[in-house]
Amino acid sequence: MPSHEPTKRELTLVEVSPRDGLQSIKEVLSDDIKVKFILDLIASGHKNIEVGSFVSPKIIPQMANTESIIQKVRQHTHVKDLNLIALVGNEKGLERAMNCELNTVAFVMSSSESFNKKNFGSSRNDSLKAYLKMSNRARKNGLSIRLYMSTINKCPYEGNITREQFGQISKKSIESIQPDQFVLSDTTGSLKPKEITELIHQSFDFITIDKIGLHLHDPYGIAMCHIKEALDVGIRIFDMSAAGLGGCPNAPFSTGNIASEELIHFIEQSGFQTGIDLKQHIHATRELISNFEFKSISKAFHNSLLVLNEGEP
C-alpha cells in the first residue's frame, strides 16, 4: 500500500493565474503583457507556474500563443529549478508542448462523464486511452506529468459525485498514466472540509501522499479550510491563483482558485517557508489587474493592498 505519512515540510506552490486566470477574461492579452506578468511572478520567488495551455485557439483564444510565451520567458530568465507547466488536451497539443522548453504537461480527467464530454468532447475512456499514449511520449521527451481529477465532489451537469465514481476513475487513471502529481480539483467549490480529508485518504489507496495536490476553486470563500485540513493530513502540493483570478468555462458560476495572497500568508504564518516575496507578488498582480476587467478579484487581494498601504487597484 502507498505510504501516507507526511515526509517533509517543504511545499510546492503552483501559481496557475497565467493559465487559469487569464483564460477567464474577454481580452486576448499580448505576449508582452503575459510575459512581463510571468517574469514578475518569477522575480517574486515563484518556481512552479502554469504558463498556459495547448488547446484549440478556437475554444480558448486567450491561450493561443503559449509557445511564444514560453520561449520569451526562457529568454529573459535563468532561474534554477523553474518548473513551467502547460495544460495539454490532445496529441496536437502535445506536439506543440514538446517543441517548447516546458517541464511539465498537465492532463485533465473528470469524475463525471458529462463534464468530461463537455470539456474535451470525449468519454472518459477515450480521454484515458489518449492520455496513456501521450504520457508515454511525454516521458520519453523528459516531461513530468500532472493529472488533474476534476469535479471530484459535484458536477454542474450530473450533480453529486459518489465516492465510488471518484475512486474508480482515479484508480484507473493513476494506474494507466502513472502521474508525477495527482491533483484533486474542486471544480465547483462545493467541498466541505471533512470531505476533502475523506477524498485524500481514499486517494492513498492509489498513490503516495507526496504526489497528491489540491486545486481548489473558491466561490464560497472556504477553500482555506480545506488547505488547513490537507496540511494537517500531510499534503504539500497546492495550486493558487494571483488575486483569485480564474474560473472554469464549463462550470457556471465557478470562480478562480484560492487567492495566492491568502494562501502564501496563511502558509507562512503556519511555519512553512514559501520562498515568495509576498509584497513583490502583490505589486506584480496589481500592475496586471489594474488594466483589465476580471470577473472576480478576491477580497484577500484587496485586503493585502490595504495592509501594504497601497490603496485600491
Protein backbone atom coordinates (compact mmCIF):
# COMPACT_ATOMS: atom_id res chain seq x y z
CA MET A 1 0.00 0.00 0.00
CA PRO A 2 1.31 3.51 -0.81
CA SER A 3 2.75 5.48 2.10
CA HIS A 4 0.51 8.15 3.57
CA GLU A 5 2.89 9.57 6.13
CA PRO A 6 3.87 13.22 5.61
CA THR A 7 7.59 13.15 4.88
CA LYS A 8 8.53 16.82 4.54
CA ARG A 9 7.63 20.38 5.42
CA GLU A 10 8.73 21.81 2.08
CA LEU A 11 5.82 22.94 -0.06
CA THR A 12 5.19 23.01 -3.79
CA LEU A 13 3.02 26.04 -4.56
CA VAL A 14 1.82 26.19 -8.16
CA GLU A 15 0.79 29.61 -9.50
CA VAL A 16 -1.96 28.99 -12.08
CA SER A 17 -3.11 32.55 -12.84
CA PRO A 18 -1.27 32.86 -16.19
CA ARG A 19 -3.44 29.99 -17.45
CA ASP A 20 -6.48 29.51 -15.22
CA GLY A 21 -6.75 33.23 -14.52
CA LEU A 22 -6.04 34.84 -17.87
CA GLN A 23 -8.30 32.49 -19.80
CA SER A 24 -11.23 33.96 -17.84
CA ILE A 25 -11.07 37.44 -19.35
CA LYS A 26 -12.57 38.54 -22.67
CA GLU A 27 -9.45 40.29 -23.91
CA VAL A 28 -6.68 38.32 -25.59
CA LEU A 29 -3.63 39.79 -23.90
CA SER A 30 -0.48 40.46 -25.87
CA ASP A 31 2.56 38.26 -25.47
CA ASP A 32 4.45 41.15 -23.90
CA ILE A 33 1.86 41.64 -21.14
CA LYS A 34 1.72 37.93 -20.33
CA VAL A 35 5.48 37.54 -20.38
CA LYS A 36 6.02 40.53 -18.12
CA PHE A 37 3.47 39.18 -15.64
CA ILE A 38 5.13 35.75 -15.58
CA LEU A 39 8.61 37.26 -15.25
CA ASP A 40 7.39 39.44 -12.38
CA LEU A 41 5.98 36.33 -10.67
CA ILE A 42 9.32 34.56 -11.11
CA ALA A 43 11.16 37.61 -9.72
CA SER A 44 8.96 37.46 -6.62
CA GLY A 45 10.06 33.87 -5.98
CA HIS A 46 7.58 31.63 -7.81
CA LYS A 47 9.21 28.43 -9.09
CA ASN A 48 6.16 26.48 -10.34
CA ILE A 49 3.99 28.35 -12.85
CA GLU A 50 1.23 27.12 -15.13
CA VAL A 51 2.01 29.40 -18.06
CA GLY A 52 -0.72 28.42 -20.50
CA SER A 53 -2.42 25.60 -22.35
CA PHE A 54 -2.11 23.82 -25.67
CA VAL A 55 -5.73 23.61 -26.71
CA SER A 56 -7.60 24.82 -29.77
CA PRO A 57 -7.42 28.64 -30.09
CA LYS A 58 -10.97 28.47 -31.43
CA ILE A 59 -12.10 27.27 -27.99
CA ILE A 60 -9.80 29.36 -25.79
CA PRO A 61 -8.27 32.16 -27.88
CA GLN A 62 -6.63 33.66 -24.76
CA MET A 63 -4.16 30.75 -24.78
CA ALA A 64 -3.31 30.78 -28.49
CA ASN A 65 0.34 31.84 -28.17
CA THR A 66 1.60 29.59 -25.39
CA GLU A 67 4.70 28.52 -27.36
CA SER A 68 5.74 32.12 -27.84
CA ILE A 69 5.13 32.89 -24.16
CA ILE A 70 7.37 30.03 -23.02
CA GLN A 71 10.12 30.95 -25.47
CA LYS A 72 10.18 34.58 -24.37
CA VAL A 73 10.11 33.70 -20.66
CA ARG A 74 13.07 31.35 -21.12
CA GLN A 75 14.98 34.06 -22.99
CA HIS A 76 14.64 36.50 -20.10
CA THR A 77 15.21 34.37 -17.01
CA HIS A 78 17.74 31.79 -15.90
CA VAL A 79 16.24 30.88 -12.54
CA LYS A 80 17.30 27.41 -11.45
CA ASP A 81 14.60 24.80 -10.77
CA LEU A 82 11.99 26.82 -12.65
CA ASN A 83 9.10 24.49 -13.49
CA LEU A 84 6.95 25.74 -16.37
CA ILE A 85 3.67 23.84 -16.73
CA ALA A 86 1.08 23.81 -19.51
CA LEU A 87 -2.24 22.04 -19.90
CA VAL A 88 -2.43 19.69 -22.90
CA GLY A 89 -5.69 18.41 -24.39
CA ASN A 90 -4.71 16.15 -27.30
CA GLU A 91 -1.90 14.80 -29.48
CA LYS A 92 -1.65 18.01 -31.47
CA GLY A 93 -1.27 19.97 -28.24
CA LEU A 94 1.41 17.57 -27.04
CA GLU A 95 3.36 18.09 -30.27
CA ARG A 96 3.34 21.82 -29.60
CA ALA A 97 4.35 21.29 -25.97
CA MET A 98 7.30 19.07 -26.87
CA ASN A 99 8.70 21.80 -29.10
CA CYS A 100 8.98 24.20 -26.15
CA GLU A 101 11.29 24.43 -23.15
CA LEU A 102 8.49 23.11 -20.99
CA ASN A 103 8.99 21.00 -17.86
CA THR A 104 5.54 19.59 -17.14
CA VAL A 105 2.40 18.78 -19.07
CA ALA A 106 -0.97 18.64 -17.33
CA PHE A 107 -3.86 16.37 -18.33
CA VAL A 108 -7.43 16.76 -17.11
CA MET A 109 -9.77 13.88 -16.31
CA SER A 110 -13.17 14.15 -14.69
CA SER A 111 -15.05 12.07 -12.14
CA SER A 112 -18.11 13.00 -14.22
CA GLU A 113 -18.72 11.54 -17.68
CA SER A 114 -20.86 14.52 -18.66
CA PHE A 115 -18.25 17.06 -17.62
CA ASN A 116 -15.50 15.16 -19.45
CA LYS A 117 -17.53 15.25 -22.66
CA LYS A 118 -18.31 18.94 -22.17
CA ASN A 119 -14.68 19.82 -21.52
CA PHE A 120 -12.96 17.74 -24.21
CA GLY A 121 -15.71 16.28 -26.36
CA SER A 122 -14.87 12.69 -25.47
CA SER A 123 -15.77 9.99 -22.98
CA ARG A 124 -13.52 9.36 -20.01
CA ASN A 125 -12.38 6.04 -21.50
CA ASP A 126 -11.42 7.72 -24.76
CA SER A 127 -9.61 10.51 -22.92
CA LEU A 128 -7.73 7.96 -20.85
CA LYS A 129 -6.64 6.00 -23.93
CA ALA A 130 -5.34 9.21 -25.48
CA TYR A 131 -3.56 10.28 -22.28
CA LEU A 132 -1.87 6.89 -21.94
CA LYS A 133 -0.31 7.27 -25.37
CA MET A 134 0.52 10.91 -24.74
CA SER A 135 2.07 10.26 -21.33
CA ASN A 136 4.45 7.68 -22.79
CA ARG A 137 5.59 10.16 -25.44
CA ALA A 138 5.88 12.98 -22.92
CA ARG A 139 8.10 10.96 -20.59
CA LYS A 140 10.39 9.92 -23.44
CA ASN A 141 10.84 13.65 -24.07
CA GLY A 142 11.75 14.31 -20.44
CA LEU A 143 8.45 15.88 -19.37
CA SER A 144 6.81 15.39 -16.00
CA ILE A 145 3.07 14.75 -15.83
CA ARG A 146 0.37 16.36 -13.70
CA LEU A 147 -3.04 14.73 -13.69
CA TYR A 148 -5.97 16.89 -12.63
CA MET A 149 -9.02 14.97 -11.44
CA SER A 150 -11.85 17.48 -11.81
CA THR A 151 -15.42 17.51 -10.41
CA ILE A 152 -14.28 15.34 -7.50
CA ASN A 153 -17.38 16.15 -5.47
CA LYS A 154 -20.02 17.73 -7.69
CA CYS A 155 -20.67 18.15 -11.41
CA PRO A 156 -22.62 21.09 -12.89
CA TYR A 157 -24.49 18.60 -15.11
CA GLU A 158 -24.76 15.37 -13.09
CA GLY A 159 -24.94 16.72 -9.57
CA ASN A 160 -23.21 14.96 -6.68
CA ILE A 161 -20.33 12.60 -7.42
CA THR A 162 -20.19 9.44 -5.33
CA ARG A 163 -17.01 8.21 -3.69
CA GLU A 164 -17.32 5.11 -5.85
CA GLN A 165 -17.33 7.22 -9.04
CA PHE A 166 -14.31 9.19 -7.86
CA GLY A 167 -12.43 6.08 -6.75
CA GLN A 168 -13.00 4.04 -9.90
CA ILE A 169 -11.83 6.67 -12.38
CA SER A 170 -8.99 7.87 -10.13
CA LYS A 171 -7.59 4.36 -9.69
CA LYS A 172 -7.90 3.60 -13.39
CA SER A 173 -6.30 6.91 -14.41
CA ILE A 174 -3.39 6.66 -11.97
CA GLU A 175 -2.61 3.04 -12.85
CA SER A 176 -2.66 3.93 -16.55
CA ILE A 177 -0.87 7.28 -16.65
CA GLN A 178 1.39 6.97 -13.56
CA PRO A 179 1.42 10.75 -12.98
CA ASP A 180 4.13 12.55 -11.06
CA GLN A 181 1.38 14.59 -9.39
CA PHE A 182 -2.28 13.74 -8.87
CA VAL A 183 -4.25 16.93 -8.26
CA LEU A 184 -7.68 16.79 -6.61
CA SER A 185 -9.70 19.55 -8.27
CA ASP A 186 -12.82 21.02 -6.66
CA THR A 187 -14.24 22.48 -9.87
CA THR A 188 -17.48 23.79 -8.38
CA GLY A 189 -16.11 24.81 -4.97
CA SER A 190 -18.72 22.65 -3.25
CA LEU A 191 -16.50 20.58 -0.99
CA LYS A 192 -16.78 20.60 2.78
CA PRO A 193 -13.57 20.40 4.86
CA LYS A 194 -14.45 16.94 6.11
CA GLU A 195 -14.98 15.74 2.55
CA ILE A 196 -11.56 16.83 1.31
CA THR A 197 -9.97 14.79 4.09
CA GLU A 198 -12.03 11.77 3.08
CA LEU A 199 -11.01 12.13 -0.57
CA ILE A 200 -7.35 12.47 0.35
CA HIS A 201 -7.49 9.33 2.47
CA GLN A 202 -9.30 7.49 -0.33
CA SER A 203 -6.52 8.55 -2.73
CA PHE A 204 -3.94 6.84 -0.51
CA ASP A 205 -5.19 3.55 -1.97
CA PHE A 206 -3.89 4.61 -5.40
CA ILE A 207 -0.91 6.93 -4.92
CA THR A 208 1.57 8.14 -2.31
CA ILE A 209 0.91 11.28 -0.32
CA ASP A 210 3.91 13.16 -1.74
CA LYS A 211 2.26 13.13 -5.19
CA ILE A 212 -1.18 14.41 -4.14
CA GLY A 213 -2.05 18.07 -4.66
CA LEU A 214 -5.10 20.32 -4.38
CA HIS A 215 -6.63 22.68 -6.95
CA LEU A 216 -9.48 24.48 -5.21
CA HIS A 217 -11.91 26.87 -6.83
CA ASP A 218 -13.21 29.16 -4.13
CA PRO A 219 -16.65 30.69 -4.85
CA TYR A 220 -17.72 30.47 -1.20
CA GLY A 221 -14.51 31.59 0.47
CA ILE A 222 -13.95 28.33 2.35
CA ALA A 223 -11.03 26.84 0.42
CA MET A 224 -8.64 27.86 3.18
CA CYS A 225 -10.45 25.44 5.49
CA HIS A 226 -9.59 22.69 3.03
CA ILE A 227 -5.97 23.83 2.93
CA LYS A 228 -5.69 23.57 6.71
CA GLU A 229 -7.24 20.10 6.73
CA ALA A 230 -4.91 18.97 3.94
CA LEU A 231 -1.80 20.38 5.64
CA ASP A 232 -2.70 18.52 8.82
CA VAL A 233 -3.04 15.30 6.85
CA GLY A 234 0.33 15.90 5.18
CA ILE A 235 -0.45 17.29 1.72
CA ARG A 236 2.34 19.54 0.45
CA ILE A 237 1.26 20.50 -3.10
CA PHE A 238 -1.19 23.37 -3.58
CA ASP A 239 -2.38 25.34 -6.61
CA MET A 240 -3.20 29.02 -6.20
CA SER A 241 -4.11 31.98 -8.40
CA ALA A 242 -2.99 35.59 -8.04
CA ALA A 243 -5.92 37.69 -6.78
CA GLY A 244 -8.11 34.59 -7.05
CA LEU A 245 -8.38 35.11 -10.81
CA GLY A 246 -9.96 32.44 -12.95
CA GLY A 247 -12.90 30.14 -13.32
CA CYS A 248 -13.92 27.17 -15.42
CA PRO A 249 -15.67 27.90 -18.75
CA ASN A 250 -17.79 24.75 -18.41
CA ALA A 251 -18.73 25.22 -14.76
CA PRO A 252 -21.25 28.07 -14.46
CA PHE A 253 -20.62 30.45 -11.53
CA SER A 254 -17.21 28.90 -10.86
CA THR A 255 -14.65 31.43 -9.66
CA GLY A 256 -10.88 31.22 -9.56
CA ASN A 257 -8.60 29.20 -7.35
CA ILE A 258 -7.79 30.15 -3.81
CA ALA A 259 -6.04 33.53 -3.85
CA SER A 260 -2.25 33.28 -3.81
CA GLU A 261 -2.02 36.19 -1.37
CA GLU A 262 -4.26 34.43 1.15
CA LEU A 263 -2.51 31.09 0.79
CA ILE A 264 1.03 32.46 0.98
CA HIS A 265 0.19 34.48 4.09
CA PHE A 266 -1.50 31.53 5.78
CA ILE A 267 1.27 29.09 4.86
CA GLU A 268 3.99 31.34 6.25
CA GLN A 269 2.00 32.07 9.41
CA SER A 270 1.75 28.28 9.83
CA GLY A 271 5.53 27.95 9.99
CA PHE A 272 6.30 26.97 6.40
CA GLN A 273 8.69 28.77 4.09
CA THR A 274 7.40 29.63 0.61
CA GLY A 275 10.40 31.47 -0.81
CA ILE A 276 7.96 34.01 -2.26
CA ASP A 277 8.19 37.73 -1.54
CA LEU A 278 4.52 38.49 -0.90
CA LYS A 279 4.86 42.24 -1.33
CA GLN A 280 6.62 41.83 -4.67
CA HIS A 281 3.98 39.30 -5.75
CA ILE A 282 1.21 41.77 -4.90
CA HIS A 283 2.88 44.55 -6.90
CA ALA A 284 3.11 42.26 -9.93
CA THR A 285 -0.53 41.27 -9.65
CA ARG A 286 -1.71 44.83 -9.09
CA GLU A 287 0.01 46.00 -12.26
CA LEU A 288 -1.77 43.34 -14.29
CA ILE A 289 -5.31 43.65 -12.95
CA SER A 290 -5.38 47.44 -12.93
CA ASN A 291 -5.59 47.45 -16.73
CA PHE A 292 -8.17 44.74 -17.41
CA GLU A 293 -11.63 43.67 -16.33
CA PHE A 294 -11.74 40.37 -14.46
CA LYS A 295 -14.89 38.54 -13.36
CA SER A 296 -13.72 38.27 -9.78
CA ILE A 297 -10.88 39.63 -7.71
CA SER A 298 -10.52 38.10 -4.29
CA LYS A 299 -11.20 40.00 -1.12
CA ALA A 300 -7.86 38.68 0.11
CA PHE A 301 -6.06 40.61 -2.62
CA HIS A 302 -7.86 43.86 -1.78
CA ASN A 303 -7.05 43.32 1.90
CA SER A 304 -3.40 42.69 1.03
CA LEU A 305 -3.25 46.04 -0.74
CA LEU A 306 -4.69 47.80 2.27
CA VAL A 307 -2.27 46.09 4.65
CA LEU A 308 0.60 47.28 2.48
CA ASN A 309 -0.92 50.78 2.36
CA GLU A 310 -1.12 50.61 -1.38
CA GLY A 311 -4.79 51.63 -1.67
CA GLU A 312 -7.27 50.18 -4.12
CA PRO A 313 -6.06 48.91 -7.52
